[in-house]
Amino acid sequence: MFMGMLYGYGIVSPRQITVLKDEWLKPSHKEFEERTMWSFFNATTESLKSCPPVSIMEHHSQAYNMLVKGIMPE
């Protein structure tokens, strides 16, 4: 559900959603193997590393607001 929302709101691109899914299913970091919202947020930040420099902070901020605070982008 959250992956679809991140994609639907344009926070992650089609290429990034693939990274997000891969990181969620098989995390690069052992600390995030447990299925928690924290590990999902980490998978999201891993996928956002490929954002263009001009928009990376905005995408991270939008993801944080949606996943942690429950605020949907406008």
PDB file of N, CA and C in Angstrom:
ATOM      1  N   MET A   1       0.810  -1.180   0.000  1.00  0.00           N
ATOM      2  CA  MET A   1       0.000   0.000   0.000  1.00  0.00           C
ATOM      3  C   MET A   1       0.874   1.274   0.000  1.00  0.00           C
ATOM      4  N   PHE A   2       1.857   1.323   0.914  1.00  0.00           N
ATOM      5  CA  PHE A   2       2.693   2.520   0.993  1.00  0.00           C
ATOM      6  C   PHE A   2       3.542   2.693  -0.258  1.00  0.00           C
ATOM      7  N   MET A   3       4.009   1.588  -0.849  1.00  0.00           N
ATOM      8  CA  MET A   3       4.798   1.718  -2.083  1.00  0.00           C
ATOM      9  C   MET A   3       3.959   2.367  -3.167  1.00  0.00           C
ATOM     10  N   GLY A   4       2.723   1.924  -3.300  1.00  0.00           N
ATOM     11  CA  GLY A   4       1.820   2.491  -4.301  1.00  0.00           C
ATOM     12  C   GLY A   4       1.540   3.964  -4.050  1.00  0.00           C
ATOM     13  N   MET A   5       1.388   4.322  -2.784  1.00  0.00           N
ATOM     14  CA  MET A   5       1.138   5.726  -2.448  1.00  0.00           C
ATOM     15  C   MET A   5       2.356   6.590  -2.770  1.00  0.00           C
ATOM     16  N   LEU A   6       3.556   6.090  -2.428  1.00  0.00           N
ATOM     17  CA  LEU A   6       4.780   6.844  -2.738  1.00  0.00           C
ATOM     18  C   LEU A   6       4.914   7.059  -4.242  1.00  0.00           C
ATOM     19  N   TYR A   7       4.580   6.035  -5.010  1.00  0.00           N
ATOM     20  CA  TYR A   7       4.630   6.141  -6.471  1.00  0.00           C
ATOM     21  C   TYR A   7       3.511   7.049  -6.985  1.00  0.00           C
ATOM     22  N   GLY A   8       2.309   6.854  -6.485  1.00  0.00           N
ATOM     23  CA  GLY A   8       1.159   7.631  -6.939  1.00  0.00           C
ATOM     24  C   GLY A   8       1.302   9.122  -6.700  1.00  0.00           C
ATOM     25  N   TYR A   9       1.930   9.495  -5.601  1.00  0.00           N
ATOM     26  CA  TYR A   9       2.159  10.907  -5.306  1.00  0.00           C
ATOM     27  C   TYR A   9       3.429  11.443  -5.972  1.00  0.00           C
ATOM     28  N   GLY A  10       4.112  10.616  -6.734  1.00  0.00           N
ATOM     29  CA  GLY A  10       5.301  11.063  -7.463  1.00  0.00           C
ATOM     30  C   GLY A  10       6.528  11.240  -6.600  1.00  0.00           C
ATOM     31  N   ILE A  11       6.517  10.628  -5.416  1.00  0.00           N
ATOM     32  CA  ILE A  11       7.686  10.736  -4.529  1.00  0.00           C
ATOM     33  C   ILE A  11       8.793   9.808  -5.008  1.00  0.00           C
ATOM     34  N   VAL A  12       8.427   8.629  -5.494  1.00  0.00           N
ATOM     35  CA  VAL A  12       9.402   7.714  -6.097  1.00  0.00           C
ATOM     36  C   VAL A  12       9.033   7.510  -7.561  1.00  0.00           C
ATOM     37  N   SER A  13      10.042   7.355  -8.387  1.00  0.00           N
ATOM     38  CA  SER A  13       9.860   7.147  -9.825  1.00  0.00           C
ATOM     39  C   SER A  13       9.684   5.646 -10.101  1.00  0.00           C
ATOM     40  N   PRO A  14       9.321   5.288 -11.325  1.00  0.00           N
ATOM     41  CA  PRO A  14       9.218   3.860 -11.658  1.00  0.00           C
ATOM     42  C   PRO A  14      10.526   3.098 -11.385  1.00  0.00           C
ATOM     43  N   ARG A  15      11.647   3.701 -11.675  1.00  0.00           N
ATOM     44  CA  ARG A  15      12.937   3.058 -11.422  1.00  0.00           C
ATOM     45  C   ARG A  15      13.193   2.926  -9.915  1.00  0.00           C
ATOM     46  N   GLN A  16      12.831   3.950  -9.179  1.00  0.00           N
ATOM     47  CA  GLN A  16      13.064   3.930  -7.734  1.00  0.00           C
ATOM     48  C   GLN A  16      12.146   2.951  -7.009  1.00  0.00           C
ATOM     49  N   ILE A  17      10.938   2.749  -7.523  1.00  0.00           N
ATOM     50  CA  ILE A  17      10.037   1.820  -6.847  1.00  0.00           C
ATOM     51  C   ILE A  17      10.579   0.387  -6.926  1.00  0.00           C
ATOM     52  N   THR A  18      11.315   0.095  -7.988  1.00  0.00           N
ATOM     53  CA  THR A  18      11.963  -1.219  -8.096  1.00  0.00           C
ATOM     54  C   THR A  18      13.021  -1.375  -7.010  1.00  0.00           C
ATOM     55  N   VAL A  19      13.808  -0.340  -6.790  1.00  0.00           N
ATOM     56  CA  VAL A  19      14.823  -0.351  -5.725  1.00  0.00           C
ATOM     57  C   VAL A  19      14.139  -0.480  -4.368  1.00  0.00           C
ATOM     58  N   LEU A  20      13.074   0.276  -4.174  1.00  0.00           N
ATOM     59  CA  LEU A  20      12.326   0.232  -2.928  1.00  0.00           C
ATOM     60  C   LEU A  20      11.820  -1.182  -2.643  1.00  0.00           C
ATOM     61  N   LYS A  21      11.218  -1.801  -3.635  1.00  0.00           N
ATOM     62  CA  LYS A  21      10.711  -3.172  -3.471  1.00  0.00           C
ATOM     63  C   LYS A  21      11.841  -4.136  -3.146  1.00  0.00           C
ATOM     64  N   ASP A  22      12.944  -4.045  -3.870  1.00  0.00           N
ATOM     65  CA  ASP A  22      14.085  -4.931  -3.625  1.00  0.00           C
ATOM     66  C   ASP A  22      14.651  -4.732  -2.217  1.00  0.00           C
ATOM     67  N   GLU A  23      14.765  -3.481  -1.790  1.00  0.00           N
ATOM     68  CA  GLU A  23      15.286  -3.188  -0.442  1.00  0.00           C
ATOM     69  C   GLU A  23      14.326  -3.682   0.637  1.00  0.00           C
ATOM     70  N   TRP A  24      13.039  -3.623   0.368  1.00  0.00           N
ATOM     71  CA  TRP A  24      12.051  -4.093   1.335  1.00  0.00           C
ATOM     72  C   TRP A  24      12.110  -5.619   1.456  1.00  0.00           C
ATOM     73  N   LEU A  25      12.199  -6.297   0.316  1.00  0.00           N
ATOM     74  CA  LEU A  25      12.195  -7.757   0.329  1.00  0.00           C
ATOM     75  C   LEU A  25      13.520  -8.363   0.780  1.00  0.00           C
ATOM     76  N   LYS A  26      14.626  -7.692   0.427  1.00  0.00           N
ATOM     77  CA  LYS A  26      15.943  -8.190   0.788  1.00  0.00           C
ATOM     78  C   LYS A  26      16.838  -6.994   1.119  1.00  0.00           C
ATOM     79  N   PRO A  27      16.759  -6.508   2.355  1.00  0.00           N
ATOM     80  CA  PRO A  27      17.507  -5.299   2.731  1.00  0.00           C
ATOM     81  C   PRO A  27      19.022  -5.446   2.566  1.00  0.00           C
ATOM     82  N   SER A  28      19.658  -4.365   2.155  1.00  0.00           N
ATOM     83  CA  SER A  28      21.117  -4.340   2.040  1.00  0.00           C
ATOM     84  C   SER A  28      21.792  -4.342   3.406  1.00  0.00           C
ATOM     85  N   HIS A  29      21.057  -3.886   4.414  1.00  0.00           N
ATOM     86  CA  HIS A  29      21.598  -3.781   5.764  1.00  0.00           C
ATOM     87  C   HIS A  29      20.866  -4.750   6.691  1.00  0.00           C
ATOM     88  N   LYS A  30      21.603  -5.580   7.372  1.00  0.00           N
ATOM     89  CA  LYS A  30      21.037  -6.595   8.262  1.00  0.00           C
ATOM     90  C   LYS A  30      20.096  -5.995   9.310  1.00  0.00           C
ATOM     91  N   GLU A  31      20.384  -4.784   9.753  1.00  0.00           N
ATOM     92  CA  GLU A  31      19.573  -4.127  10.786  1.00  0.00           C
ATOM     93  C   GLU A  31      18.117  -3.924  10.349  1.00  0.00           C
ATOM     94  N   PHE A  32      17.869  -3.953   9.046  1.00  0.00           N
ATOM     95  CA  PHE A  32      16.526  -3.668   8.546  1.00  0.00           C
ATOM     96  C   PHE A  32      15.809  -4.911   8.025  1.00  0.00           C
ATOM     97  N   GLU A  33      16.249  -6.095   8.444  1.00  0.00           N
ATOM     98  CA  GLU A  33      15.590  -7.331   8.014  1.00  0.00           C
ATOM     99  C   GLU A  33      14.227  -7.521   8.674  1.00  0.00           C
ATOM    100  N   GLU A  34      14.060  -7.006   9.892  1.00  0.00           N
ATOM    101  CA  GLU A  34      12.776  -7.099  10.565  1.00  0.00           C
ATOM    102  C   GLU A  34      11.761  -6.229   9.823  1.00  0.00           C
ATOM    103  N   ARG A  35      10.553  -6.730   9.642  1.00  0.00           N
ATOM    104  CA  ARG A  35       9.524  -6.005   8.893  1.00  0.00           C
ATOM    105  C   ARG A  35       8.843  -4.993   9.806  1.00  0.00           C
ATOM    106  N   THR A  36       9.359  -3.780   9.816  1.00  0.00           N
ATOM    107  CA  THR A  36       8.797  -2.689  10.604  1.00  0.00           C
ATOM    108  C   THR A  36       8.648  -1.465   9.715  1.00  0.00           C
ATOM    109  N   MET A  37       7.968  -0.461  10.237  1.00  0.00           N
ATOM    110  CA  MET A  37       7.845   0.788   9.483  1.00  0.00           C
ATOM    111  C   MET A  37       9.212   1.443   9.334  1.00  0.00           C
ATOM    112  N   TRP A  38      10.064   1.282  10.337  1.00  0.00           N
ATOM    113  CA  TRP A  38      11.422   1.819  10.272  1.00  0.00           C
ATOM    114  C   TRP A  38      12.200   1.189   9.114  1.00  0.00           C
ATOM    115  N   SER A  39      12.074  -0.136   8.943  1.00  0.00           N
ATOM    116  CA  SER A  39      12.793  -0.792   7.845  1.00  0.00           C
ATOM    117  C   SER A  39      12.193  -0.383   6.492  1.00  0.00           C
ATOM    118  N   PHE A  40      10.874  -0.145   6.446  1.00  0.00           N
ATOM    119  CA  PHE A  40      10.274   0.342   5.201  1.00  0.00           C
ATOM    120  C   PHE A  40      10.767   1.748   4.878  1.00  0.00           C
ATOM    121  N   PHE A  41      10.861   2.589   5.894  1.00  0.00           N
ATOM    122  CA  PHE A  41      11.369   3.948   5.683  1.00  0.00           C
ATOM    123  C   PHE A  41      12.808   3.897   5.193  1.00  0.00           C
ATOM    124  N   ASN A  42      13.608   2.982   5.739  1.00  0.00           N
ATOM    125  CA  ASN A  42      14.989   2.841   5.272  1.00  0.00           C
ATOM    126  C   ASN A  42      15.022   2.401   3.811  1.00  0.00           C
ATOM    127  N   ALA A  43      14.156   1.462   3.430  1.00  0.00           N
ATOM    128  CA  ALA A  43      14.088   1.034   2.026  1.00  0.00           C
ATOM    129  C   ALA A  43      13.724   2.216   1.134  1.00  0.00           C
ATOM    130  N   THR A  44      12.832   3.060   1.630  1.00  0.00           N
ATOM    131  CA  THR A  44      12.438   4.258   0.874  1.00  0.00           C
ATOM    132  C   THR A  44      13.626   5.200   0.693  1.00  0.00           C
ATOM    133  N   THR A  45      14.364   5.457   1.763  1.00  0.00           N
ATOM    134  CA  THR A  45      15.507   6.373   1.641  1.00  0.00           C
ATOM    135  C   THR A  45      16.589   5.789   0.735  1.00  0.00           C
ATOM    136  N   GLU A  46      16.760   4.470   0.758  1.00  0.00           N
ATOM    137  CA  GLU A  46      17.716   3.846  -0.173  1.00  0.00           C
ATOM    138  C   GLU A  46      17.294   4.102  -1.615  1.00  0.00           C
ATOM    139  N   SER A  47      16.002   3.982  -1.887  1.00  0.00           N
ATOM    140  CA  SER A  47      15.525   4.186  -3.260  1.00  0.00           C
ATOM    141  C   SER A  47      15.650   5.643  -3.694  1.00  0.00           C
ATOM    142  N   LEU A  48      15.545   6.561  -2.748  1.00  0.00           N
ATOM    143  CA  LEU A  48      15.599   7.988  -3.089  1.00  0.00           C
ATOM    144  C   LEU A  48      17.017   8.503  -3.311  1.00  0.00           C
ATOM    145  N   LYS A  49      18.012   7.684  -3.064  1.00  0.00           N
ATOM    146  CA  LYS A  49      19.399   8.115  -3.269  1.00  0.00           C
ATOM    147  C   LYS A  49      19.700   8.471  -4.720  1.00  0.00           C
ATOM    148  N   SER A  50      18.868   7.986  -5.642  1.00  0.00           N
ATOM    149  CA  SER A  50      19.105   8.281  -7.060  1.00  0.00           C
ATOM    150  C   SER A  50      18.353   9.516  -7.541  1.00  0.00           C
ATOM    151  N   CYS A  51      17.700  10.255  -6.639  1.00  0.00           N
ATOM    152  CA  CYS A  51      17.003  11.493  -7.023  1.00  0.00           C
ATOM    153  C   CYS A  51      18.005  12.520  -7.555  1.00  0.00           C
ATOM    154  N   PRO A  52      17.558  13.350  -8.479  1.00  0.00           N
ATOM    155  CA  PRO A  52      18.425  14.446  -8.915  1.00  0.00           C
ATOM    156  C   PRO A  52      18.745  15.356  -7.721  1.00  0.00           C
ATOM    157  N   PRO A  53      19.956  15.880  -7.650  1.00  0.00           N
ATOM    158  CA  PRO A  53      20.352  16.724  -6.516  1.00  0.00           C
ATOM    159  C   PRO A  53      19.388  17.882  -6.235  1.00  0.00           C
ATOM    160  N   VAL A  54      18.802  18.430  -7.278  1.00  0.00           N
ATOM    161  CA  VAL A  54      17.919  19.577  -7.103  1.00  0.00           C
ATOM    162  C   VAL A  54      16.624  19.213  -6.368  1.00  0.00           C
ATOM    163  N   SER A  55      16.229  17.938  -6.382  1.00  0.00           N
ATOM    164  CA  SER A  55      14.955  17.564  -5.766  1.00  0.00           C
ATOM    165  C   SER A  55      15.076  16.530  -4.651  1.00  0.00           C
ATOM    166  N   ILE A  56      16.272  16.113  -4.328  1.00  0.00           N
ATOM    167  CA  ILE A  56      16.431  15.020  -3.365  1.00  0.00           C
ATOM    168  C   ILE A  56      15.855  15.368  -1.985  1.00  0.00           C
ATOM    169  N   MET A  57      16.094  16.567  -1.496  1.00  0.00           N
ATOM    170  CA  MET A  57      15.594  16.939  -0.173  1.00  0.00           C
ATOM    171  C   MET A  57      14.066  17.021  -0.160  1.00  0.00           C
ATOM    172  N   GLU A  58      13.483  17.505  -1.230  1.00  0.00           N
ATOM    173  CA  GLU A  58      12.019  17.582  -1.311  1.00  0.00           C
ATOM    174  C   GLU A  58      11.399  16.186  -1.284  1.00  0.00           C
ATOM    175  N   HIS A  59      11.986  15.248  -2.012  1.00  0.00           N
ATOM    176  CA  HIS A  59      11.458  13.884  -2.037  1.00  0.00           C
ATOM    177  C   HIS A  59      11.619  13.213  -0.670  1.00  0.00           C
ATOM    178  N   HIS A  60      12.752  13.418  -0.035  1.00  0.00           N
ATOM    179  CA  HIS A  60      12.955  12.853   1.305  1.00  0.00           C
ATOM    180  C   HIS A  60      11.959  13.458   2.295  1.00  0.00           C
ATOM    181  N   SER A  61      11.745  14.747   2.202  1.00  0.00           N
ATOM    182  CA  SER A  61      10.805  15.433   3.092  1.00  0.00           C
ATOM    183  C   SER A  61       9.381  14.915   2.873  1.00  0.00           C
ATOM    184  N   GLN A  62       8.979  14.754   1.629  1.00  0.00           N
ATOM    185  CA  GLN A  62       7.641  14.245   1.324  1.00  0.00           C
ATOM    186  C   GLN A  62       7.473  12.812   1.843  1.00  0.00           C
ATOM    187  N   ALA A  63       8.483  11.979   1.649  1.00  0.00           N
ATOM    188  CA  ALA A  63       8.416  10.597   2.143  1.00  0.00           C
ATOM    189  C   ALA A  63       8.314  10.577   3.659  1.00  0.00           C
ATOM    190  N   TYR A  64       9.113  11.389   4.321  1.00  0.00           N
ATOM    191  CA  TYR A  64       9.075  11.466   5.784  1.00  0.00           C
ATOM    192  C   TYR A  64       7.699  11.911   6.267  1.00  0.00           C
ATOM    193  N   ASN A  65       7.184  12.964   5.656  1.00  0.00           N
ATOM    194  CA  ASN A  65       5.876  13.474   6.068  1.00  0.00           C
ATOM    195  C   ASN A  65       4.778  12.433   5.879  1.00  0.00           C
ATOM    196  N   MET A  66       4.817  11.695   4.785  1.00  0.00           N
ATOM    197  CA  MET A  66       3.790  10.695   4.534  1.00  0.00           C
ATOM    198  C   MET A  66       3.932   9.492   5.465  1.00  0.00           C
ATOM    199  N   LEU A  67       5.130   8.951   5.558  1.00  0.00           N
ATOM    200  CA  LEU A  67       5.324   7.699   6.275  1.00  0.00           C
ATOM    201  C   LEU A  67       5.400   7.870   7.793  1.00  0.00           C
ATOM    202  N   VAL A  68       5.927   8.981   8.258  1.00  0.00           N
ATOM    203  CA  VAL A  68       6.105   9.175   9.694  1.00  0.00           C
ATOM    204  C   VAL A  68       4.991  10.036  10.290  1.00  0.00           C
ATOM    205  N   LYS A  69       4.649  11.100   9.601  1.00  0.00           N
ATOM    206  CA  LYS A  69       3.665  12.029  10.142  1.00  0.00           C
ATOM    207  C   LYS A  69       2.247  11.809   9.615  1.00  0.00           C
ATOM    208  N   GLY A  70       2.112  11.041   8.529  1.00  0.00           N
ATOM    209  CA  GLY A  70       0.794  10.801   7.953  1.00  0.00           C
ATOM    210  C   GLY A  70       0.244  11.974   7.167  1.00  0.00           C
ATOM    211  N   ILE A  71       1.125  12.860   6.696  1.00  0.00           N
ATOM    212  CA  ILE A  71       0.709  14.045   5.926  1.00  0.00           C
ATOM    213  C   ILE A  71       0.890  13.740   4.443  1.00  0.00           C
ATOM    214  N   MET A  72      -0.185  13.838   3.675  1.00  0.00           N
ATOM    215  CA  MET A  72      -0.113  13.571   2.246  1.00  0.00           C
ATOM    216  C   MET A  72       0.350  14.814   1.492  1.00  0.00           C
ATOM    217  N   PRO A  73       1.162  14.629   0.449  1.00  0.00           N
ATOM    218  CA  PRO A  73       1.616  15.776  -0.360  1.00  0.00           C
ATOM    219  C   PRO A  73       0.433  16.443  -1.047  1.00  0.00           C
ATOM    220  N   GLU A  74       0.566  17.721  -1.301  1.00  0.00           N
ATOM    221  CA  GLU A  74      -0.496  18.458  -2.002  1.00  0.00           C
ATOM    222  C   GLU A  74      -0.288  18.429  -3.480  1.00  0.00           C
TER     223      GLU A  74
END
